Amino acid sequence: MKESDLASFVKFTNAILNSEKIQTFISSGQFNQLSTGKIGVLPIIKPSFKKEKEKKIYESIVAKSNFLISSYESWNKISTDFVKLLKSSFAISENDLFKNWHTLGFRDFIKQLNQKIKN
């Protein structure tokens, strides 16, 4: 992995900013809100690509970020396809409860689906 790979570095930085350690640091009282100007004072160390251990940590964080992005994209596609299937099978409109179907428990989901079938 090259140091100049901007997309990877953005993923690395976002992963660090969203980590539990940094979130704890932010909410410890030094920051009431994280702004672009305050990011520079966070204790984030730019990895040295000359040190093998730091390079491996960097690559691991980027790989895990890529996995999370891919998982989210897969979940989003499955979710979208499932909603399309429900709409086509049961003539459900866009503004119906199924917009947030993924937040329902299974029983509530089946209950709502049965109500839509009866109507």
C-alpha atoms as a PDB file:
ATOM      1  CA  MET A   1       0.000   0.000   0.000  1.00  0.00           C
ATOM      2  CA  LYS A   2       1.355   3.366  -0.976  1.00  0.00           C
ATOM      3  CA  GLU A   3       1.400   6.333   1.350  1.00  0.00           C
ATOM      4  CA  SER A   4      -0.070   8.495  -1.403  1.00  0.00           C
ATOM      5  CA  ASP A   5      -3.254   6.417  -1.686  1.00  0.00           C
ATOM      6  CA  LEU A   6      -5.677   9.159  -0.633  1.00  0.00           C
ATOM      7  CA  ALA A   7      -8.797   6.966  -0.614  1.00  0.00           C
ATOM      8  CA  SER A   8      -7.157   4.511   1.784  1.00  0.00           C
ATOM      9  CA  PHE A   9      -5.911   7.299   4.023  1.00  0.00           C
ATOM     10  CA  VAL A  10      -9.418   8.803   4.177  1.00  0.00           C
ATOM     11  CA  LYS A  11     -10.787   5.390   5.209  1.00  0.00           C
ATOM     12  CA  PHE A  12      -8.049   5.050   7.821  1.00  0.00           C
ATOM     13  CA  THR A  13      -8.741   8.532   9.218  1.00  0.00           C
ATOM     14  CA  ASN A  14     -12.503   7.982   9.312  1.00  0.00           C
ATOM     15  CA  ALA A  15     -12.022   4.649  11.072  1.00  0.00           C
ATOM     16  CA  ILE A  16      -9.827   6.308  13.690  1.00  0.00           C
ATOM     17  CA  LEU A  17     -12.233   9.239  14.144  1.00  0.00           C
ATOM     18  CA  ASN A  18     -15.116   6.801  14.635  1.00  0.00           C
ATOM     19  CA  SER A  19     -13.188   4.535  16.995  1.00  0.00           C
ATOM     20  CA  GLU A  20     -14.262   4.069  20.589  1.00  0.00           C
ATOM     21  CA  LYS A  21     -10.990   5.561  21.880  1.00  0.00           C
ATOM     22  CA  ILE A  22     -11.323   8.800  19.939  1.00  0.00           C
ATOM     23  CA  GLN A  23     -15.057   9.051  20.714  1.00  0.00           C
ATOM     24  CA  THR A  24     -14.196   8.721  24.418  1.00  0.00           C
ATOM     25  CA  PHE A  25     -11.522  11.391  24.043  1.00  0.00           C
ATOM     26  CA  ILE A  26     -13.968  13.712  22.253  1.00  0.00           C
ATOM     27  CA  SER A  27     -16.721  13.249  24.838  1.00  0.00           C
ATOM     28  CA  SER A  28     -14.349  13.596  27.811  1.00  0.00           C
ATOM     29  CA  GLY A  29     -15.091  17.301  27.945  1.00  0.00           C
ATOM     30  CA  GLN A  30     -12.326  18.742  25.808  1.00  0.00           C
ATOM     31  CA  PHE A  31     -14.645  18.882  22.825  1.00  0.00           C
ATOM     32  CA  ASN A  32     -18.343  19.579  22.971  1.00  0.00           C
ATOM     33  CA  GLN A  33     -18.528  19.270  19.218  1.00  0.00           C
ATOM     34  CA  LEU A  34     -15.970  18.046  16.729  1.00  0.00           C
ATOM     35  CA  SER A  35     -15.260  20.567  13.997  1.00  0.00           C
ATOM     36  CA  THR A  36     -12.794  20.475  11.134  1.00  0.00           C
ATOM     37  CA  GLY A  37     -10.479  22.874  12.975  1.00  0.00           C
ATOM     38  CA  LYS A  38     -10.386  20.686  16.075  1.00  0.00           C
ATOM     39  CA  ILE A  39      -9.520  17.472  14.248  1.00  0.00           C
ATOM     40  CA  GLY A  40      -5.903  18.604  14.030  1.00  0.00           C
ATOM     41  CA  VAL A  41      -5.450  18.511  17.796  1.00  0.00           C
ATOM     42  CA  LEU A  42      -6.770  14.965  18.223  1.00  0.00           C
ATOM     43  CA  PRO A  43      -4.094  12.430  19.161  1.00  0.00           C
ATOM     44  CA  ILE A  44      -3.989  10.733  15.768  1.00  0.00           C
ATOM     45  CA  ILE A  45      -0.544   9.743  14.606  1.00  0.00           C
ATOM     46  CA  LYS A  46       0.107   9.469  10.900  1.00  0.00           C
ATOM     47  CA  PRO A  47       1.553   5.996  10.399  1.00  0.00           C
ATOM     48  CA  SER A  48       5.101   5.640   9.215  1.00  0.00           C
ATOM     49  CA  PHE A  49       5.209   3.424   6.165  1.00  0.00           C
ATOM     50  CA  LYS A  50       8.863   2.769   6.888  1.00  0.00           C
ATOM     51  CA  LYS A  51       7.960   0.949  10.124  1.00  0.00           C
ATOM     52  CA  GLU A  52       6.546  -2.475   9.305  1.00  0.00           C
ATOM     53  CA  LYS A  53       4.375  -2.677  12.441  1.00  0.00           C
ATOM     54  CA  GLU A  54       2.681   0.682  11.764  1.00  0.00           C
ATOM     55  CA  LYS A  55       2.224  -0.211   8.100  1.00  0.00           C
ATOM     56  CA  LYS A  56       0.519  -3.497   9.049  1.00  0.00           C
ATOM     57  CA  ILE A  57      -1.802  -1.717  11.496  1.00  0.00           C
ATOM     58  CA  TYR A  58      -2.668   0.843   8.824  1.00  0.00           C
ATOM     59  CA  GLU A  59      -3.362  -1.867   6.244  1.00  0.00           C
ATOM     60  CA  SER A  60      -5.466  -3.816   8.743  1.00  0.00           C
ATOM     61  CA  ILE A  61      -7.615  -0.774   9.554  1.00  0.00           C
ATOM     62  CA  VAL A  62      -8.095   0.021   5.853  1.00  0.00           C
ATOM     63  CA  ALA A  63      -8.977  -3.629   5.100  1.00  0.00           C
ATOM     64  CA  LYS A  64     -11.548  -3.675   7.924  1.00  0.00           C
ATOM     65  CA  SER A  65     -12.983  -0.383   6.668  1.00  0.00           C
ATOM     66  CA  ASN A  66     -13.288  -1.866   3.182  1.00  0.00           C
ATOM     67  CA  PHE A  67     -15.037  -4.910   4.653  1.00  0.00           C
ATOM     68  CA  LEU A  68     -17.528  -2.704   6.529  1.00  0.00           C
ATOM     69  CA  ILE A  69     -18.214  -0.627   3.419  1.00  0.00           C
ATOM     70  CA  SER A  70     -18.748  -3.767   1.349  1.00  0.00           C
ATOM     71  CA  SER A  71     -21.001  -5.288   4.020  1.00  0.00           C
ATOM     72  CA  TYR A  72     -23.079  -2.121   4.179  1.00  0.00           C
ATOM     73  CA  GLU A  73     -23.425  -2.037   0.390  1.00  0.00           C
ATOM     74  CA  SER A  74     -24.496  -5.701   0.355  1.00  0.00           C
ATOM     75  CA  TRP A  75     -27.005  -5.156   3.151  1.00  0.00           C
ATOM     76  CA  ASN A  76     -28.387  -2.085   1.412  1.00  0.00           C
ATOM     77  CA  LYS A  77     -28.890  -4.021  -1.846  1.00  0.00           C
ATOM     78  CA  ILE A  78     -30.596  -6.918  -0.058  1.00  0.00           C
ATOM     79  CA  SER A  79     -32.817  -4.491   1.840  1.00  0.00           C
ATOM     80  CA  THR A  80     -33.752  -2.583  -1.319  1.00  0.00           C
ATOM     81  CA  ASP A  81     -34.477  -5.779  -3.243  1.00  0.00           C
ATOM     82  CA  PHE A  82     -36.617  -7.113  -0.388  1.00  0.00           C
ATOM     83  CA  VAL A  83     -38.677  -3.916  -0.230  1.00  0.00           C
ATOM     84  CA  LYS A  84     -39.175  -4.067  -4.019  1.00  0.00           C
ATOM     85  CA  LEU A  85     -40.362  -7.677  -3.682  1.00  0.00           C
ATOM     86  CA  LEU A  86     -42.830  -6.737  -0.929  1.00  0.00           C
ATOM     87  CA  LYS A  87     -44.162  -3.795  -2.915  1.00  0.00           C
ATOM     88  CA  SER A  88     -44.671  -5.834  -6.051  1.00  0.00           C
ATOM     89  CA  SER A  89     -46.173  -8.806  -4.221  1.00  0.00           C
ATOM     90  CA  PHE A  90     -48.551  -6.934  -1.936  1.00  0.00           C
ATOM     91  CA  ALA A  91     -49.179  -3.599  -3.695  1.00  0.00           C
ATOM     92  CA  ILE A  92     -47.595  -1.623  -0.865  1.00  0.00           C
ATOM     93  CA  SER A  93     -47.071   2.082  -1.454  1.00  0.00           C
ATOM     94  CA  GLU A  94     -43.879   4.028  -0.722  1.00  0.00           C
ATOM     95  CA  ASN A  95     -45.269   5.833   2.328  1.00  0.00           C
ATOM     96  CA  ASP A  96     -46.410   2.675   4.110  1.00  0.00           C
ATOM     97  CA  LEU A  97     -44.939   1.292   7.304  1.00  0.00           C
ATOM     98  CA  PHE A  98     -42.598  -0.961   5.328  1.00  0.00           C
ATOM     99  CA  LYS A  99     -40.267   1.943   4.744  1.00  0.00           C
ATOM    100  CA  ASN A 100     -38.681   0.982   8.097  1.00  0.00           C
ATOM    101  CA  TRP A 101     -39.377  -2.743   7.975  1.00  0.00           C
ATOM    102  CA  HIS A 102     -35.845  -3.576   9.117  1.00  0.00           C
ATOM    103  CA  THR A 103     -36.503  -1.919  12.498  1.00  0.00           C
ATOM    104  CA  LEU A 104     -39.460  -4.185  13.273  1.00  0.00           C
ATOM    105  CA  GLY A 105     -39.219  -7.384  15.250  1.00  0.00           C
ATOM    106  CA  PHE A 106     -40.169 -10.482  13.279  1.00  0.00           C
ATOM    107  CA  ARG A 107     -43.606 -10.787  14.901  1.00  0.00           C
ATOM    108  CA  ASP A 108     -44.402  -7.125  14.292  1.00  0.00           C
ATOM    109  CA  PHE A 109     -43.209  -7.450  10.716  1.00  0.00           C
ATOM    110  CA  ILE A 110     -45.472 -10.459  10.053  1.00  0.00           C
ATOM    111  CA  LYS A 111     -48.350  -8.673  11.778  1.00  0.00           C
ATOM    112  CA  GLN A 112     -47.924  -5.616   9.562  1.00  0.00           C
ATOM    113  CA  LEU A 113     -47.536  -7.777   6.462  1.00  0.00           C
ATOM    114  CA  ASN A 114     -50.748  -9.648   7.278  1.00  0.00           C
ATOM    115  CA  GLN A 115     -52.579  -6.343   7.723  1.00  0.00           C
ATOM    116  CA  LYS A 116     -51.397  -5.191   4.302  1.00  0.00           C
ATOM    117  CA  ILE A 117     -52.523  -8.486   2.740  1.00  0.00           C
ATOM    118  CA  LYS A 118     -56.020  -8.128   4.266  1.00  0.00           C
ATOM    119  CA  ASN A 119     -56.363  -4.552   3.021  1.00  0.00           C
END
